[in-house]
Amino acid sequence: MSQLIISVGREFGSAGRAIAEELAKRFNIPVYDRHLITEIANKTGLTTEEIEKYNENPKHLIFSRSVRGYSNSIEDNIAEMQFDFIKKKAESGESFVVVGRCSETILKDYESLVSLFILGDIEEKVKRVMKVYELSEDDAKRLIEKKDKKRKRYHNYHCSGHWGDSRLYDLSINSSCLGIEGTTDALEAYIKARVNNMK
């Protein structure tokens, strides 16, 4: 198989982004995450900070409306630009890893797609967030809850399936059981097996 697309959904604090980046290194393919924000900033003239403000947010229903399929919502338009970006990359035949962005649904028609969801035990996620962001335990818990709530709202707004529902993904894995390296090893083996099965 000439193309490989790896979609990584993740809970906040599960090390999903770190695992996605490591998978990209092991398969020698690019990873699209923050890069999407830079691409959109270059196309729209907005700053990366402005885009980040609206990134992975559902629109505000009170201040937004759609007319003939066109939305005046900045959140909607930024989301659509990201969806278009990853669809064009897929259509071009490029292999890549994409983090979030409803990619398991947006790219579900591609036979080359392997969709993963990384979750973790709350205790381990709290420890990681405390260390990475230098937060207290209570602040880490609040940040995890806030970030996951945001991701869930964003995903469920744009997709018919529910964020984190194992039926949406080829494989869901708890990174707390094996750690980052062990989880990456297990996912690498699974992806290689899938690739061999696709040939």
Protein backbone atom coordinates (compact mmCIF):
# COMPACT_ATOMS: atom_id res chain seq x y z
CA MET A 1 0.00 0.00 0.00
CA SER A 2 1.49 3.32 -1.06
CA GLN A 3 -0.54 5.55 1.27
CA LEU A 4 -0.90 5.43 5.05
CA ILE A 5 -3.06 7.84 7.04
CA ILE A 6 -2.97 7.58 10.82
CA SER A 7 -5.72 9.46 12.68
CA VAL A 8 -5.09 10.01 16.39
CA GLY A 9 -7.89 11.13 18.71
CA ARG A 10 -6.91 11.63 22.32
CA GLU A 11 -7.94 12.56 25.81
CA PHE A 12 -6.08 15.51 27.29
CA GLY A 13 -3.13 14.31 29.35
CA SER A 14 -3.01 10.88 27.69
CA ALA A 15 0.18 11.76 25.75
CA GLY A 16 -1.76 11.33 22.52
CA ARG A 17 0.14 14.10 20.74
CA ALA A 18 3.53 12.73 21.84
CA ILE A 19 2.52 9.25 20.66
CA ALA A 20 1.31 10.65 17.32
CA GLU A 21 4.62 12.45 16.83
CA GLU A 22 6.57 9.29 17.64
CA LEU A 23 4.47 7.25 15.19
CA ALA A 24 5.18 9.84 12.50
CA LYS A 25 8.92 9.43 13.14
CA ARG A 26 8.75 5.66 13.03
CA PHE A 27 6.84 5.61 9.74
CA ASN A 28 8.82 8.57 8.39
CA ILE A 29 5.73 10.61 7.53
CA PRO A 30 4.65 14.15 8.50
CA VAL A 31 2.32 14.88 11.39
CA TYR A 32 -0.40 17.52 11.10
CA ASP A 33 -1.55 19.18 14.29
CA ARG A 34 -0.33 22.68 15.10
CA HIS A 35 0.92 22.83 11.51
CA LEU A 36 -2.68 23.20 10.36
CA ILE A 37 -2.99 26.43 12.31
CA THR A 38 0.13 27.84 10.63
CA GLU A 39 -1.16 26.85 7.19
CA ILE A 40 -4.50 28.55 7.78
CA ALA A 41 -2.83 31.64 9.20
CA ASN A 42 -0.75 31.93 6.03
CA LYS A 43 -3.85 31.60 3.83
CA THR A 44 -6.16 33.93 5.73
CA GLY A 45 -3.85 36.64 6.99
CA LEU A 46 -4.94 35.94 10.57
CA THR A 47 -2.29 35.41 13.20
CA THR A 48 -1.69 31.97 14.69
CA GLU A 49 -2.87 33.39 18.04
CA GLU A 50 -6.18 34.48 16.50
CA ILE A 51 -6.73 31.07 14.93
CA GLU A 52 -5.73 29.27 18.12
CA LYS A 53 -8.43 31.21 19.96
CA TYR A 54 -11.14 29.63 17.77
CA ASN A 55 -9.41 26.31 17.07
CA GLU A 56 -11.40 23.16 17.91
CA ASN A 57 -14.29 25.22 19.26
CA PRO A 58 -17.94 24.81 18.28
CA LYS A 59 -19.58 28.01 17.10
CA HIS A 60 -21.52 30.33 19.40
CA LEU A 61 -25.12 29.71 18.41
CA ILE A 62 -26.34 33.12 19.61
CA PHE A 63 -23.90 35.06 17.44
CA SER A 64 -23.82 32.79 14.39
CA ARG A 65 -26.07 31.96 11.49
CA SER A 66 -25.89 30.07 8.22
CA VAL A 67 -27.35 31.19 4.92
CA ARG A 68 -27.48 28.75 1.96
CA GLY A 69 -24.80 26.59 3.52
CA TYR A 70 -22.43 29.45 4.33
CA SER A 71 -21.69 30.30 7.95
CA ASN A 72 -20.61 33.62 9.44
CA SER A 73 -19.04 31.70 12.34
CA ILE A 74 -15.26 32.04 12.59
CA GLU A 75 -15.18 28.70 14.46
CA ASP A 76 -17.06 26.93 11.66
CA ASN A 77 -14.91 28.46 8.94
CA ILE A 78 -11.63 27.57 10.66
CA ALA A 79 -12.86 24.01 11.22
CA GLU A 80 -13.86 23.68 7.54
CA MET A 81 -10.46 24.99 6.43
CA GLN A 82 -8.76 22.33 8.54
CA PHE A 83 -11.06 19.61 7.23
CA ASP A 84 -10.37 20.74 3.65
CA PHE A 85 -6.64 20.74 4.33
CA ILE A 86 -6.52 17.13 5.52
CA LYS A 87 -8.91 16.00 2.76
CA LYS A 88 -6.66 17.53 0.11
CA LYS A 89 -3.63 15.87 1.66
CA ALA A 90 -5.48 12.53 1.57
CA GLU A 91 -6.67 13.07 -2.01
CA SER A 92 -3.10 13.81 -3.10
CA GLY A 93 -2.01 10.34 -1.98
CA GLU A 94 0.26 11.65 0.76
CA SER A 95 0.89 9.57 3.86
CA PHE A 96 0.62 11.41 7.17
CA VAL A 97 -0.45 11.40 10.81
CA VAL A 98 -3.23 13.78 11.83
CA VAL A 99 -4.09 14.63 15.42
CA GLY A 100 -7.76 15.30 16.21
CA ARG A 101 -9.75 17.45 13.76
CA CYS A 102 -12.50 14.80 13.51
CA SER A 103 -10.14 13.02 11.13
CA GLU A 104 -11.45 9.53 11.91
CA THR A 105 -14.79 10.70 10.46
CA ILE A 106 -13.63 13.20 7.81
CA LEU A 107 -11.31 10.60 6.23
CA LYS A 108 -13.33 7.45 6.95
CA ASP A 109 -13.78 6.59 3.25
CA TYR A 110 -10.03 6.12 2.70
CA GLU A 111 -8.93 2.48 2.82
CA SER A 112 -5.48 3.67 3.91
CA LEU A 113 -6.88 5.17 7.15
CA VAL A 114 -5.97 3.66 10.51
CA SER A 115 -7.91 5.46 13.27
CA LEU A 116 -6.72 5.39 16.86
CA PHE A 117 -7.97 6.83 20.13
CA ILE A 118 -5.60 7.33 23.07
CA LEU A 119 -7.10 7.44 26.55
CA GLY A 120 -5.62 7.20 30.02
CA ASP A 121 -6.31 6.67 33.70
CA ILE A 122 -7.21 9.94 35.41
CA GLU A 123 -4.44 9.56 38.00
CA GLU A 124 -1.76 9.21 35.31
CA LYS A 125 -3.21 12.03 33.22
CA VAL A 126 -3.20 14.34 36.24
CA LYS A 127 0.45 13.49 36.97
CA ARG A 128 1.44 14.20 33.37
CA VAL A 129 -0.45 17.49 33.18
CA MET A 130 0.99 18.60 36.54
CA LYS A 131 4.50 17.94 35.24
CA VAL A 132 4.12 19.34 31.71
CA TYR A 133 2.20 22.47 32.67
CA GLU A 134 3.64 22.92 36.18
CA LEU A 135 0.21 22.91 37.80
CA SER A 136 -1.18 21.84 41.15
CA GLU A 137 -3.22 18.64 41.29
CA ASP A 138 -6.53 20.52 41.47
CA ASP A 139 -5.60 22.83 38.59
CA ALA A 140 -4.48 19.86 36.51
CA LYS A 141 -7.82 18.12 37.08
CA ARG A 142 -9.71 21.26 36.10
CA LEU A 143 -7.64 21.71 32.94
CA ILE A 144 -8.20 18.08 31.89
CA GLU A 145 -11.94 18.43 32.41
CA LYS A 146 -12.04 21.74 30.49
CA LYS A 147 -9.98 20.49 27.55
CA ASP A 148 -11.85 17.20 27.17
CA LYS A 149 -15.21 18.97 27.41
CA LYS A 150 -14.10 21.33 24.63
CA ARG A 151 -12.90 18.48 22.42
CA LYS A 152 -16.11 16.54 23.00
CA ARG A 153 -18.33 19.52 22.12
CA TYR A 154 -16.28 20.29 19.01
CA HIS A 155 -16.29 16.69 17.77
CA ASN A 156 -19.94 16.02 18.50
CA TYR A 157 -20.94 19.28 16.80
CA HIS A 158 -19.16 18.35 13.55
CA CYS A 159 -19.71 14.56 13.57
CA SER A 160 -22.64 12.21 14.03
CA GLY A 161 -20.60 9.83 16.20
CA HIS A 162 -19.62 10.64 19.77
CA TRP A 163 -16.07 11.62 20.68
CA GLY A 164 -14.23 8.76 22.36
CA ASP A 165 -16.80 6.11 21.38
CA SER A 166 -14.66 3.06 20.58
CA ARG A 167 -16.92 2.15 17.65
CA LEU A 168 -15.61 5.19 15.75
CA TYR A 169 -12.00 3.99 15.84
CA ASP A 170 -10.08 0.96 14.67
CA LEU A 171 -8.33 0.75 18.01
CA SER A 172 -8.64 2.48 21.38
CA ILE A 173 -5.76 2.10 23.83
CA ASN A 174 -5.05 3.15 27.41
CA SER A 175 -1.58 4.72 27.40
CA SER A 176 -1.39 4.49 31.20
CA CYS A 177 -0.91 0.72 30.97
CA LEU A 178 2.25 0.69 28.82
CA GLY A 179 3.53 4.26 28.95
CA ILE A 180 4.38 6.37 25.90
CA GLU A 181 7.06 4.11 24.43
CA GLY A 182 5.21 0.86 25.11
CA THR A 183 1.96 2.26 23.72
CA THR A 184 3.78 3.49 20.61
CA ASP A 185 5.39 0.06 20.19
CA ALA A 186 1.98 -1.64 20.39
CA LEU A 187 0.42 0.81 17.93
CA GLU A 188 3.33 0.49 15.52
CA ALA A 189 2.89 -3.30 15.49
CA TYR A 190 -0.87 -2.93 14.96
CA ILE A 191 -0.44 -0.43 12.12
CA LYS A 192 2.15 -2.64 10.39
CA ALA A 193 -0.24 -5.59 10.64
CA ARG A 194 -3.03 -3.44 9.16
CA VAL A 195 -0.79 -2.26 6.33
CA ASN A 196 0.12 -5.87 5.48
CA ASN A 197 -3.56 -6.75 5.50
CA MET A 198 -4.37 -3.88 3.13
CA LYS A 199 -1.92 -4.99 0.43
